[in-house]
Amino acid sequence: MTAEPHLWKLARQLQALAQTGLTYATSNYDRERYQTASDIAAELMTLQNPTSAATFRQLFALQDGYATPKVDVRAAVFRNDQVLLVREASDGLWTLPGGWADVNDSPAEAVERETFEESGFRVKARKLAAVYDRAKHPHEPPFPFHIYKLFFLCDILDGAPSPSGETSAVDFFHPDALPPLSRTRLLPEQVQRLYEHWRNPALPTDFD
């Protein structure tokens, strides 16, 4: 696996420290110093990404509280040796149904809800197949915040293909004949590994 650029990781760590510091700082002096650290993190990220520092600063300003990894949940739904994929309306590329886990949803509830909303299929999560640190895999581009990706094997209960406001198409593909993937969300080798889990339910959960 290919790790993210070291400078990017340092910038993200600096931002996390600044966010936590801004949360607990008790003096304006400390808050100014932590805000400066956050601004430096934004500038460092522009050295690795064409996004403007102003955009990064706006993104950071929306975050508060103690900085922790975000949780992305994805459903691996197989039928007749094919995997369920949805085409993202935002970039026109394909991925497993899923997204950010919401507050008050368990991981399984989150992935089941996201799958129904994005694909039209009601599913039941039956196995946590993999827990990946996004930063340790060659997703493109690198993300400003730290992310854990949870991949569940899910079984179809009922439903039919039905795109949503976030997805423009729903279809099944063989893991050896995948459409263009949204690599910020999903990698072809991850689909292959999930296919192995589906073919061999005795495999233990993968994790970084």
N, C-alpha and C. Protein backbone atom coordinates (compact mmCIF):
# COMPACT_ATOMS: atom_id res chain seq x y z
N MET A 1 0.84 -1.19 0.00
CA MET A 1 0.00 0.00 0.00
C MET A 1 0.87 1.24 0.00
N THR A 2 0.37 2.35 -0.54
CA THR A 2 1.11 3.60 -0.64
C THR A 2 0.57 4.59 0.36
N ALA A 3 1.45 5.10 1.21
CA ALA A 3 1.03 6.06 2.22
C ALA A 3 0.87 7.44 1.61
N GLU A 4 0.14 8.30 2.28
CA GLU A 4 0.01 9.69 1.85
C GLU A 4 1.35 10.41 1.99
N PRO A 5 1.52 11.54 1.28
CA PRO A 5 2.75 12.33 1.42
C PRO A 5 2.99 12.71 2.88
N HIS A 6 4.25 12.64 3.30
CA HIS A 6 4.57 12.91 4.70
C HIS A 6 4.18 14.33 5.10
N LEU A 7 4.41 15.29 4.21
CA LEU A 7 4.06 16.67 4.52
C LEU A 7 2.56 16.83 4.74
N TRP A 8 1.76 16.11 3.97
CA TRP A 8 0.30 16.16 4.14
C TRP A 8 -0.09 15.63 5.51
N LYS A 9 0.51 14.52 5.91
CA LYS A 9 0.20 13.94 7.22
C LYS A 9 0.58 14.90 8.34
N LEU A 10 1.74 15.56 8.20
CA LEU A 10 2.16 16.52 9.22
C LEU A 10 1.19 17.70 9.29
N ALA A 11 0.73 18.18 8.12
CA ALA A 11 -0.22 19.29 8.10
C ALA A 11 -1.53 18.90 8.76
N ARG A 12 -2.00 17.69 8.50
CA ARG A 12 -3.24 17.23 9.10
C ARG A 12 -3.09 17.08 10.62
N GLN A 13 -1.94 16.59 11.05
CA GLN A 13 -1.70 16.47 12.49
C GLN A 13 -1.66 17.85 13.14
N LEU A 14 -1.02 18.80 12.47
CA LEU A 14 -0.96 20.16 12.99
C LEU A 14 -2.37 20.76 13.11
N GLN A 15 -3.20 20.53 12.11
CA GLN A 15 -4.57 21.02 12.16
C GLN A 15 -5.35 20.38 13.31
N ALA A 16 -5.17 19.08 13.52
CA ALA A 16 -5.87 18.40 14.62
C ALA A 16 -5.45 18.99 15.97
N LEU A 17 -4.15 19.24 16.13
CA LEU A 17 -3.67 19.85 17.37
C LEU A 17 -4.25 21.25 17.54
N ALA A 18 -4.30 22.02 16.43
CA ALA A 18 -4.85 23.37 16.50
C ALA A 18 -6.33 23.34 16.85
N GLN A 19 -7.08 22.42 16.24
CA GLN A 19 -8.52 22.32 16.52
C GLN A 19 -8.77 22.01 17.98
N THR A 20 -8.03 21.03 18.50
CA THR A 20 -8.20 20.67 19.91
C THR A 20 -7.79 21.82 20.81
N GLY A 21 -6.70 22.50 20.45
CA GLY A 21 -6.25 23.63 21.24
C GLY A 21 -7.27 24.76 21.26
N LEU A 22 -7.87 25.06 20.11
CA LEU A 22 -8.89 26.10 20.05
C LEU A 22 -10.11 25.75 20.91
N THR A 23 -10.37 24.45 21.03
CA THR A 23 -11.51 24.01 21.84
C THR A 23 -11.30 24.26 23.32
N TYR A 24 -10.06 24.03 23.79
CA TYR A 24 -9.81 24.06 25.23
C TYR A 24 -9.02 25.28 25.68
N ALA A 25 -8.58 26.14 24.76
CA ALA A 25 -7.81 27.32 25.16
C ALA A 25 -8.66 28.25 26.03
N THR A 26 -8.04 28.82 27.05
CA THR A 26 -8.77 29.68 27.98
C THR A 26 -8.35 31.14 27.87
N SER A 27 -7.38 31.44 27.02
CA SER A 27 -6.95 32.83 26.86
C SER A 27 -6.91 33.20 25.38
N ASN A 28 -7.12 34.48 25.11
CA ASN A 28 -7.04 34.94 23.73
C ASN A 28 -5.65 34.73 23.15
N TYR A 29 -4.63 34.85 23.99
CA TYR A 29 -3.25 34.63 23.54
C TYR A 29 -3.10 33.22 22.98
N ASP A 30 -3.60 32.22 23.71
CA ASP A 30 -3.48 30.84 23.24
C ASP A 30 -4.32 30.62 21.99
N ARG A 31 -5.52 31.20 21.96
CA ARG A 31 -6.38 31.01 20.80
C ARG A 31 -5.74 31.59 19.54
N GLU A 32 -5.09 32.72 19.67
CA GLU A 32 -4.41 33.31 18.51
C GLU A 32 -3.31 32.38 18.01
N ARG A 33 -2.57 31.77 18.92
CA ARG A 33 -1.47 30.88 18.53
C ARG A 33 -2.01 29.62 17.86
N TYR A 34 -3.08 29.06 18.39
CA TYR A 34 -3.67 27.86 17.78
C TYR A 34 -4.28 28.19 16.42
N GLN A 35 -4.87 29.38 16.29
CA GLN A 35 -5.43 29.77 14.99
C GLN A 35 -4.31 29.94 13.96
N THR A 36 -3.19 30.48 14.39
CA THR A 36 -2.04 30.59 13.50
C THR A 36 -1.57 29.21 13.05
N ALA A 37 -1.56 28.27 13.97
CA ALA A 37 -1.15 26.90 13.62
C ALA A 37 -2.11 26.31 12.60
N SER A 38 -3.40 26.57 12.75
CA SER A 38 -4.39 26.07 11.79
C SER A 38 -4.17 26.69 10.42
N ASP A 39 -3.86 28.00 10.40
CA ASP A 39 -3.61 28.69 9.14
C ASP A 39 -2.35 28.13 8.46
N ILE A 40 -1.34 27.81 9.23
CA ILE A 40 -0.12 27.21 8.67
C ILE A 40 -0.43 25.85 8.07
N ALA A 41 -1.28 25.07 8.75
CA ALA A 41 -1.67 23.75 8.22
C ALA A 41 -2.36 23.91 6.86
N ALA A 42 -3.21 24.93 6.74
CA ALA A 42 -3.88 25.17 5.46
C ALA A 42 -2.87 25.51 4.37
N GLU A 43 -1.89 26.34 4.69
CA GLU A 43 -0.86 26.70 3.71
C GLU A 43 -0.04 25.49 3.31
N LEU A 44 0.29 24.63 4.26
CA LEU A 44 1.07 23.43 3.95
C LEU A 44 0.30 22.51 3.03
N MET A 45 -1.02 22.41 3.22
CA MET A 45 -1.81 21.52 2.37
C MET A 45 -1.86 22.01 0.93
N THR A 46 -1.78 23.32 0.73
CA THR A 46 -1.79 23.83 -0.64
C THR A 46 -0.53 23.43 -1.40
N LEU A 47 0.53 23.05 -0.69
CA LEU A 47 1.75 22.60 -1.35
C LEU A 47 1.60 21.20 -1.94
N GLN A 48 0.56 20.48 -1.50
CA GLN A 48 0.32 19.12 -1.97
C GLN A 48 -0.98 19.00 -2.76
N ASN A 49 -1.77 20.08 -2.80
CA ASN A 49 -3.10 20.02 -3.38
C ASN A 49 -3.44 21.38 -3.99
N PRO A 50 -4.04 21.44 -5.19
CA PRO A 50 -4.33 22.72 -5.82
C PRO A 50 -5.42 23.54 -5.15
N THR A 51 -6.10 22.97 -4.16
CA THR A 51 -7.13 23.71 -3.43
C THR A 51 -6.51 24.91 -2.72
N SER A 52 -7.21 26.02 -2.68
CA SER A 52 -6.67 27.24 -2.07
C SER A 52 -6.60 27.12 -0.55
N ALA A 53 -5.67 27.87 0.04
CA ALA A 53 -5.56 27.91 1.49
C ALA A 53 -6.84 28.45 2.11
N ALA A 54 -7.49 29.41 1.43
CA ALA A 54 -8.74 29.97 1.96
C ALA A 54 -9.82 28.89 2.08
N THR A 55 -9.87 27.99 1.10
CA THR A 55 -10.86 26.90 1.15
C THR A 55 -10.57 25.97 2.32
N PHE A 56 -9.30 25.64 2.51
CA PHE A 56 -8.94 24.80 3.65
C PHE A 56 -9.28 25.49 4.96
N ARG A 57 -9.00 26.80 5.06
CA ARG A 57 -9.30 27.52 6.30
C ARG A 57 -10.80 27.50 6.58
N GLN A 58 -11.62 27.67 5.54
CA GLN A 58 -13.07 27.62 5.73
C GLN A 58 -13.51 26.24 6.19
N LEU A 59 -12.90 25.19 5.62
CA LEU A 59 -13.22 23.82 6.01
C LEU A 59 -12.85 23.58 7.46
N PHE A 60 -11.67 24.04 7.87
CA PHE A 60 -11.24 23.85 9.25
C PHE A 60 -12.13 24.61 10.22
N ALA A 61 -12.63 25.78 9.81
CA ALA A 61 -13.44 26.61 10.70
C ALA A 61 -14.76 25.93 11.06
N LEU A 62 -15.19 24.97 10.23
CA LEU A 62 -16.44 24.25 10.50
C LEU A 62 -16.26 23.15 11.54
N GLN A 63 -15.00 22.86 11.90
CA GLN A 63 -14.72 21.78 12.84
C GLN A 63 -14.47 22.36 14.23
N ASP A 64 -15.00 21.69 15.23
CA ASP A 64 -14.68 22.08 16.60
C ASP A 64 -14.69 20.85 17.49
N GLY A 65 -14.31 21.03 18.72
CA GLY A 65 -14.21 19.91 19.63
C GLY A 65 -12.89 19.17 19.48
N TYR A 66 -12.70 18.17 20.30
CA TYR A 66 -11.48 17.36 20.25
C TYR A 66 -11.41 16.65 18.89
N ALA A 67 -10.30 16.79 18.20
CA ALA A 67 -10.17 16.22 16.85
C ALA A 67 -10.02 14.70 16.91
N THR A 68 -10.91 14.00 16.24
CA THR A 68 -10.85 12.54 16.16
C THR A 68 -11.09 12.12 14.71
N PRO A 69 -10.73 10.89 14.33
CA PRO A 69 -11.00 10.44 12.96
C PRO A 69 -12.49 10.42 12.64
N LYS A 70 -12.81 10.71 11.39
CA LYS A 70 -14.17 10.58 10.89
C LYS A 70 -14.40 9.13 10.46
N VAL A 71 -15.67 8.71 10.41
CA VAL A 71 -16.00 7.32 10.08
C VAL A 71 -16.82 7.27 8.79
N ASP A 72 -16.28 6.55 7.80
CA ASP A 72 -16.95 6.33 6.53
C ASP A 72 -17.37 4.85 6.46
N VAL A 73 -18.64 4.59 6.19
CA VAL A 73 -19.14 3.21 6.11
C VAL A 73 -19.49 2.87 4.67
N ARG A 74 -19.17 1.64 4.24
CA ARG A 74 -19.45 1.20 2.87
C ARG A 74 -20.03 -0.22 2.90
N ALA A 75 -20.98 -0.47 2.00
CA ALA A 75 -21.65 -1.76 1.91
C ALA A 75 -21.14 -2.54 0.72
N ALA A 76 -20.65 -3.74 0.95
CA ALA A 76 -20.27 -4.66 -0.11
C ALA A 76 -21.41 -5.65 -0.28
N VAL A 77 -22.20 -5.47 -1.34
CA VAL A 77 -23.38 -6.29 -1.60
C VAL A 77 -23.13 -7.08 -2.88
N PHE A 78 -23.06 -8.40 -2.76
CA PHE A 78 -22.78 -9.25 -3.91
C PHE A 78 -24.02 -10.05 -4.30
N ARG A 79 -24.18 -10.23 -5.61
CA ARG A 79 -25.26 -11.04 -6.15
C ARG A 79 -24.77 -11.67 -7.45
N ASN A 80 -24.82 -12.99 -7.50
CA ASN A 80 -24.38 -13.71 -8.70
C ASN A 80 -22.97 -13.31 -9.13
N ASP A 81 -22.07 -13.28 -8.15
CA ASP A 81 -20.67 -12.94 -8.40
C ASP A 81 -20.46 -11.50 -8.87
N GLN A 82 -21.45 -10.64 -8.65
CA GLN A 82 -21.31 -9.24 -9.02
C GLN A 82 -21.54 -8.37 -7.78
N VAL A 83 -20.90 -7.22 -7.78
CA VAL A 83 -20.98 -6.31 -6.64
C VAL A 83 -21.85 -5.10 -7.00
N LEU A 84 -22.63 -4.66 -6.03
CA LEU A 84 -23.49 -3.49 -6.20
C LEU A 84 -22.65 -2.21 -6.12
N LEU A 85 -22.75 -1.37 -7.14
CA LEU A 85 -22.09 -0.08 -7.15
C LEU A 85 -23.09 1.02 -7.50
N VAL A 86 -22.80 2.21 -7.02
CA VAL A 86 -23.60 3.39 -7.36
C VAL A 86 -22.69 4.42 -8.00
N ARG A 87 -23.25 5.19 -8.93
CA ARG A 87 -22.46 6.24 -9.57
C ARG A 87 -22.75 7.57 -8.87
N GLU A 88 -21.69 8.17 -8.36
CA GLU A 88 -21.82 9.41 -7.62
C GLU A 88 -22.21 10.56 -8.55
N ALA A 89 -23.24 11.29 -8.18
CA ALA A 89 -23.65 12.44 -8.98
C ALA A 89 -22.58 13.52 -8.98
N SER A 90 -21.79 13.58 -7.90
CA SER A 90 -20.82 14.68 -7.75
C SER A 90 -19.65 14.57 -8.72
N ASP A 91 -19.20 13.34 -9.03
CA ASP A 91 -18.04 13.20 -9.91
C ASP A 91 -18.26 12.23 -11.07
N GLY A 92 -19.44 11.58 -11.15
CA GLY A 92 -19.73 10.67 -12.24
C GLY A 92 -18.98 9.36 -12.18
N LEU A 93 -18.39 9.04 -11.05
CA LEU A 93 -17.62 7.82 -10.88
C LEU A 93 -18.33 6.88 -9.91
N TRP A 94 -17.90 5.62 -9.91
CA TRP A 94 -18.62 4.57 -9.19
C TRP A 94 -17.97 4.22 -7.86
N THR A 95 -18.81 3.77 -6.93
CA THR A 95 -18.32 3.36 -5.62
C THR A 95 -19.33 2.44 -4.96
N LEU A 96 -18.94 1.85 -3.84
CA LEU A 96 -19.88 1.12 -3.01
C LEU A 96 -20.83 2.11 -2.34
N PRO A 97 -22.09 1.77 -2.17
CA PRO A 97 -22.98 2.68 -1.44
C PRO A 97 -22.48 2.89 -0.01
N GLY A 98 -22.65 4.11 0.46
CA GLY A 98 -22.20 4.42 1.82
C GLY A 98 -21.92 5.89 1.98
N GLY A 99 -21.26 6.24 3.09
CA GLY A 99 -20.94 7.63 3.37
C GLY A 99 -20.59 7.81 4.83
N TRP A 100 -20.66 9.06 5.30
CA TRP A 100 -20.35 9.34 6.70
C TRP A 100 -21.38 8.69 7.62
N ALA A 101 -20.90 8.13 8.72
CA ALA A 101 -21.81 7.61 9.75
C ALA A 101 -22.43 8.80 10.50
N ASP A 102 -23.73 8.74 10.71
CA ASP A 102 -24.43 9.82 11.41
C ASP A 102 -24.50 9.55 12.91
N VAL A 103 -24.59 10.63 13.67
CA VAL A 103 -24.79 10.52 15.11
C VAL A 103 -26.08 9.76 15.40
N ASN A 104 -26.04 8.89 16.39
CA ASN A 104 -27.15 8.04 16.85
C ASN A 104 -27.38 6.82 15.97
N ASP A 105 -26.63 6.65 14.89
CA ASP A 105 -26.64 5.40 14.12
C ASP A 105 -25.48 4.53 14.56
N SER A 106 -25.73 3.25 14.75
CA SER A 106 -24.60 2.32 14.90
C SER A 106 -23.96 2.19 13.52
N PRO A 107 -22.72 1.68 13.43
CA PRO A 107 -22.11 1.50 12.11
C PRO A 107 -22.97 0.66 11.17
N ALA A 108 -23.57 -0.42 11.69
CA ALA A 108 -24.41 -1.28 10.85
C ALA A 108 -25.67 -0.53 10.40
N GLU A 109 -26.29 0.21 11.32
CA GLU A 109 -27.47 0.99 10.94
C GLU A 109 -27.13 2.03 9.89
N ALA A 110 -25.97 2.64 10.03
CA ALA A 110 -25.55 3.68 9.09
C ALA A 110 -25.37 3.10 7.69
N VAL A 111 -24.70 1.96 7.58
CA VAL A 111 -24.44 1.40 6.25
C VAL A 111 -25.73 0.88 5.62
N GLU A 112 -26.63 0.33 6.42
CA GLU A 112 -27.91 -0.13 5.88
C GLU A 112 -28.75 1.04 5.38
N ARG A 113 -28.77 2.13 6.14
CA ARG A 113 -29.54 3.32 5.74
C ARG A 113 -28.95 3.94 4.48
N GLU A 114 -27.64 4.11 4.46
CA GLU A 114 -26.99 4.72 3.29
C GLU A 114 -27.22 3.90 2.03
N THR A 115 -27.17 2.58 2.16
CA THR A 115 -27.37 1.72 1.00
C THR A 115 -28.77 1.87 0.43
N PHE A 116 -29.77 1.90 1.29
CA PHE A 116 -31.14 2.08 0.82
C PHE A 116 -31.33 3.45 0.16
N GLU A 117 -30.80 4.48 0.81
CA GLU A 117 -30.97 5.83 0.28
C GLU A 117 -30.28 6.01 -1.08
N GLU A 118 -29.13 5.38 -1.26
CA GLU A 118 -28.34 5.60 -2.48
C GLU A 118 -28.64 4.61 -3.60
N SER A 119 -29.17 3.43 -3.26
CA SER A 119 -29.33 2.39 -4.28
C SER A 119 -30.76 1.89 -4.46
N GLY A 120 -31.60 2.06 -3.43
CA GLY A 120 -32.95 1.52 -3.49
C GLY A 120 -33.08 0.12 -2.93
N PHE A 121 -31.96 -0.47 -2.50
CA PHE A 121 -31.99 -1.83 -1.93
C PHE A 121 -31.95 -1.76 -0.41
N ARG A 122 -32.85 -2.50 0.23
CA ARG A 122 -32.78 -2.69 1.67
C ARG A 122 -31.85 -3.87 1.93
N VAL A 123 -30.88 -3.66 2.83
CA VAL A 123 -29.87 -4.69 3.09
C VAL A 123 -29.73 -4.91 4.59
N LYS A 124 -29.09 -6.03 4.91
CA LYS A 124 -28.78 -6.36 6.29
C LYS A 124 -27.28 -6.59 6.40
N ALA A 125 -26.62 -5.82 7.26
CA ALA A 125 -25.18 -6.01 7.47
C ALA A 125 -24.96 -7.30 8.24
N ARG A 126 -24.08 -8.15 7.72
CA ARG A 126 -23.85 -9.43 8.40
C ARG A 126 -22.40 -9.65 8.81
N LYS A 127 -21.46 -8.87 8.28
CA LYS A 127 -20.06 -9.05 8.67
C LYS A 127 -19.29 -7.75 8.45
N LEU A 128 -18.51 -7.35 9.44
CA LEU A 128 -17.55 -6.28 9.27
C LEU A 128 -16.30 -6.90 8.64
N ALA A 129 -16.12 -6.66 7.34
CA ALA A 129 -15.04 -7.33 6.60
C ALA A 129 -13.70 -6.63 6.74
N ALA A 130 -13.72 -5.29 6.85
CA ALA A 130 -12.46 -4.56 6.89
C ALA A 130 -12.63 -3.21 7.56
N VAL A 131 -11.60 -2.80 8.28
CA VAL A 131 -11.50 -1.46 8.86
C VAL A 131 -10.16 -0.90 8.39
N TYR A 132 -10.22 0.08 7.49
CA TYR A 132 -9.01 0.63 6.90
C TYR A 132 -8.80 2.09 7.32
N ASP A 133 -7.55 2.43 7.53
CA ASP A 133 -7.14 3.82 7.70
C ASP A 133 -6.94 4.38 6.29
N ARG A 134 -7.79 5.31 5.88
CA ARG A 134 -7.73 5.83 4.51
C ARG A 134 -6.34 6.33 4.15
N ALA A 135 -5.64 6.92 5.12
CA ALA A 135 -4.34 7.50 4.85
C ALA A 135 -3.28 6.46 4.49
N LYS A 136 -3.53 5.20 4.81
CA LYS A 136 -2.56 4.15 4.53
C LYS A 136 -2.81 3.44 3.20
N HIS A 137 -3.76 3.94 2.43
CA HIS A 137 -4.11 3.35 1.14
C HIS A 137 -4.09 4.44 0.07
N PRO A 138 -3.82 4.08 -1.19
CA PRO A 138 -3.60 5.10 -2.24
C PRO A 138 -4.87 5.75 -2.78
N HIS A 139 -5.70 6.25 -1.88
CA HIS A 139 -6.86 7.03 -2.32
C HIS A 139 -6.39 8.37 -2.87
N GLU A 140 -7.15 8.90 -3.81
CA GLU A 140 -6.80 10.17 -4.45
C GLU A 140 -8.03 11.08 -4.49
N PRO A 141 -7.84 12.35 -4.13
CA PRO A 141 -6.65 12.95 -3.53
C PRO A 141 -6.62 12.69 -2.02
N PRO A 142 -5.52 13.05 -1.34
CA PRO A 142 -5.52 12.92 0.13
C PRO A 142 -6.59 13.82 0.73
N PHE A 143 -7.10 13.45 1.90
CA PHE A 143 -8.21 14.17 2.51
C PHE A 143 -7.70 15.00 3.69
N PRO A 144 -8.27 16.19 3.92
CA PRO A 144 -7.77 17.05 4.99
C PRO A 144 -7.92 16.47 6.39
N PHE A 145 -8.89 15.56 6.58
CA PHE A 145 -9.12 15.00 7.90
C PHE A 145 -8.83 13.50 7.89
N HIS A 146 -8.57 12.97 9.08
CA HIS A 146 -8.25 11.55 9.23
C HIS A 146 -9.55 10.74 9.16
N ILE A 147 -9.54 9.64 8.40
CA ILE A 147 -10.75 8.87 8.15
C ILE A 147 -10.51 7.38 8.39
N TYR A 148 -11.42 6.75 9.10
CA TYR A 148 -11.49 5.29 9.18
C TYR A 148 -12.60 4.83 8.24
N LYS A 149 -12.30 3.83 7.41
CA LYS A 149 -13.27 3.30 6.46
C LYS A 149 -13.70 1.91 6.91
N LEU A 150 -15.01 1.73 7.15
CA LEU A 150 -15.56 0.45 7.60
C LEU A 150 -16.33 -0.18 6.44
N PHE A 151 -15.91 -1.39 6.04
CA PHE A 151 -16.55 -2.10 4.94
C PHE A 151 -17.33 -3.29 5.50
N PHE A 152 -18.64 -3.32 5.22
CA PHE A 152 -19.51 -4.39 5.68
C PHE A 152 -19.96 -5.25 4.51
N LEU A 153 -19.97 -6.58 4.70
CA LEU A 153 -20.69 -7.45 3.78
C LEU A 153 -22.17 -7.37 4.14
N CYS A 154 -23.00 -7.13 3.15
CA CYS A 154 -24.44 -6.97 3.40
C CYS A 154 -25.25 -7.87 2.47
N ASP A 155 -26.37 -8.35 2.97
CA ASP A 155 -27.28 -9.19 2.18
C ASP A 155 -28.50 -8.37 1.78
N ILE A 156 -28.95 -8.56 0.54
CA ILE A 156 -30.16 -7.88 0.07
C ILE A 156 -31.40 -8.50 0.70
N LEU A 157 -32.26 -7.64 1.23
CA LEU A 157 -33.55 -8.09 1.76
C LEU A 157 -34.65 -7.91 0.72
N ASP A 158 -34.70 -6.72 0.12
CA ASP A 158 -35.66 -6.43 -0.94
C ASP A 158 -35.27 -5.12 -1.60
N GLY A 159 -36.08 -4.68 -2.56
CA GLY A 159 -35.83 -3.42 -3.22
C GLY A 159 -35.48 -3.59 -4.68
N ALA A 160 -35.25 -2.47 -5.35
CA ALA A 160 -34.89 -2.44 -6.76
C ALA A 160 -33.99 -1.25 -7.00
N PRO A 161 -33.18 -1.29 -8.07
CA PRO A 161 -32.27 -0.17 -8.33
C PRO A 161 -33.02 1.15 -8.43
N SER A 162 -32.57 2.13 -7.64
CA SER A 162 -33.24 3.43 -7.61
C SER A 162 -32.23 4.50 -7.22
N PRO A 163 -31.72 5.26 -8.20
CA PRO A 163 -30.79 6.34 -7.86
C PRO A 163 -31.43 7.37 -6.95
N SER A 164 -30.58 8.19 -6.31
CA SER A 164 -31.06 9.21 -5.38
C SER A 164 -30.52 10.57 -5.80
N GLY A 165 -30.69 11.56 -4.94
CA GLY A 165 -30.12 12.86 -5.23
C GLY A 165 -28.61 12.85 -5.26
N GLU A 166 -28.01 11.86 -4.57
CA GLU A 166 -26.55 11.77 -4.51
C GLU A 166 -25.98 10.82 -5.55
N THR A 167 -26.83 9.97 -6.13
CA THR A 167 -26.35 8.97 -7.10
C THR A 167 -27.15 9.08 -8.39
N SER A 168 -26.47 8.83 -9.51
CA SER A 168 -27.13 8.96 -10.81
C SER A 168 -27.38 7.62 -11.49
N ALA A 169 -26.85 6.52 -10.94
CA ALA A 169 -27.06 5.19 -11.52
C ALA A 169 -26.75 4.14 -10.47
N VAL A 170 -27.35 2.97 -10.64
CA VAL A 170 -27.16 1.82 -9.74
C VAL A 170 -27.02 0.59 -10.61
N ASP A 171 -25.99 -0.24 -10.36
CA ASP A 171 -25.81 -1.43 -11.19
C ASP A 171 -24.91 -2.42 -10.48
N PHE A 172 -24.85 -3.64 -11.03
CA PHE A 172 -23.98 -4.69 -10.52
C PHE A 172 -22.86 -4.95 -11.53
N PHE A 173 -21.64 -5.19 -11.01
CA PHE A 173 -20.48 -5.43 -11.86
C PHE A 173 -19.65 -6.57 -11.28
N HIS A 174 -19.02 -7.34 -12.17
CA HIS A 174 -18.08 -8.36 -11.69
C HIS A 174 -16.82 -7.65 -11.20
N PRO A 175 -16.21 -8.12 -10.12
CA PRO A 175 -15.00 -7.47 -9.60
C PRO A 175 -13.86 -7.38 -10.61
N ASP A 176 -13.86 -8.24 -11.63
CA ASP A 176 -12.82 -8.18 -12.66
C ASP A 176 -13.20 -7.27 -13.82
N ALA A 177 -14.35 -6.66 -13.78
CA ALA A 177 -14.80 -5.77 -14.86
C ALA A 177 -15.49 -4.55 -14.26
N LEU A 178 -14.75 -3.80 -13.45
CA LEU A 178 -15.31 -2.66 -12.75
C LEU A 178 -15.35 -1.43 -13.64
N PRO A 179 -16.34 -0.57 -13.46
CA PRO A 179 -16.36 0.72 -14.17
C PRO A 179 -15.35 1.67 -13.52
N PRO A 180 -15.16 2.87 -14.07
CA PRO A 180 -14.24 3.83 -13.44
C PRO A 180 -14.68 4.15 -12.01
N LEU A 181 -13.77 3.92 -11.07
CA LEU A 181 -14.11 4.09 -9.66
C LEU A 181 -13.76 5.48 -9.15
N SER A 182 -14.53 5.94 -8.18
CA SER A 182 -14.22 7.17 -7.45
C SER A 182 -13.14 6.83 -6.43
N ARG A 183 -11.89 7.04 -6.79
CA ARG A 183 -10.78 6.56 -5.97
C ARG A 183 -10.66 7.31 -4.64
N THR A 184 -11.33 8.43 -4.51
CA THR A 184 -11.35 9.07 -3.20
C THR A 184 -12.18 8.25 -2.21
N ARG A 185 -13.10 7.41 -2.75
CA ARG A 185 -13.99 6.61 -1.91
C ARG A 185 -13.65 5.12 -1.90
N LEU A 186 -13.14 4.61 -3.02
CA LEU A 186 -13.01 3.15 -3.18
C LEU A 186 -11.88 2.83 -4.15
N LEU A 187 -11.15 1.74 -3.83
CA LEU A 187 -10.06 1.28 -4.68
C LEU A 187 -10.39 -0.10 -5.24
N PRO A 188 -9.94 -0.43 -6.45
CA PRO A 188 -10.26 -1.74 -7.02
C PRO A 188 -9.75 -2.90 -6.19
N GLU A 189 -8.58 -2.74 -5.55
CA GLU A 189 -8.07 -3.82 -4.72
C GLU A 189 -8.93 -4.05 -3.49
N GLN A 190 -9.63 -3.01 -3.04
CA GLN A 190 -10.55 -3.19 -1.91
C GLN A 190 -11.76 -4.01 -2.34
N VAL A 191 -12.25 -3.77 -3.56
CA VAL A 191 -13.36 -4.58 -4.07
C VAL A 191 -12.94 -6.03 -4.19
N GLN A 192 -11.74 -6.27 -4.69
CA GLN A 192 -11.25 -7.64 -4.83
C GLN A 192 -11.16 -8.33 -3.47
N ARG A 193 -10.67 -7.61 -2.46
CA ARG A 193 -10.55 -8.21 -1.13
C ARG A 193 -11.94 -8.49 -0.55
N LEU A 194 -12.88 -7.61 -0.75
CA LEU A 194 -14.24 -7.84 -0.26
C LEU A 194 -14.88 -9.03 -0.97
N TYR A 195 -14.56 -9.19 -2.24
CA TYR A 195 -15.04 -10.36 -2.99
C TYR A 195 -14.50 -11.65 -2.38
N GLU A 196 -13.25 -11.62 -1.96
CA GLU A 196 -12.66 -12.78 -1.28
C GLU A 196 -13.40 -13.07 0.02
N HIS A 197 -13.76 -12.02 0.75
CA HIS A 197 -14.52 -12.21 1.98
C HIS A 197 -15.89 -12.83 1.69
N TRP A 198 -16.52 -12.38 0.60
CA TRP A 198 -17.83 -12.92 0.25
C TRP A 198 -17.72 -14.39 -0.15
N ARG A 199 -16.66 -14.73 -0.88
CA ARG A 199 -16.46 -16.11 -1.30
C ARG A 199 -16.05 -17.01 -0.14
N ASN A 200 -15.39 -16.44 0.85
CA ASN A 200 -14.90 -17.21 1.99
C ASN A 200 -15.31 -16.51 3.28
N PRO A 201 -16.52 -16.78 3.79
CA PRO A 201 -17.02 -16.10 4.98
C PRO A 201 -16.18 -16.33 6.23
N ALA A 202 -15.30 -17.34 6.23
CA ALA A 202 -14.49 -17.62 7.41
C ALA A 202 -13.30 -16.68 7.55
N LEU A 203 -13.02 -15.85 6.55
CA LEU A 203 -11.90 -14.93 6.65
C LEU A 203 -12.11 -13.97 7.82
N PRO A 204 -11.06 -13.69 8.60
CA PRO A 204 -11.20 -12.72 9.69
C PRO A 204 -11.27 -11.30 9.15
N THR A 205 -11.75 -10.39 9.97
CA THR A 205 -11.82 -8.99 9.59
C THR A 205 -10.42 -8.44 9.34
N ASP A 206 -10.26 -7.71 8.23
CA ASP A 206 -9.00 -7.03 7.94
C ASP A 206 -8.98 -5.70 8.69
N PHE A 207 -7.79 -5.29 9.15
CA PHE A 207 -7.67 -3.97 9.76
C PHE A 207 -6.24 -3.49 9.67
N ASP A 208 -6.09 -2.16 9.65
CA ASP A 208 -4.77 -1.55 9.64
C ASP A 208 -4.27 -1.38 11.07
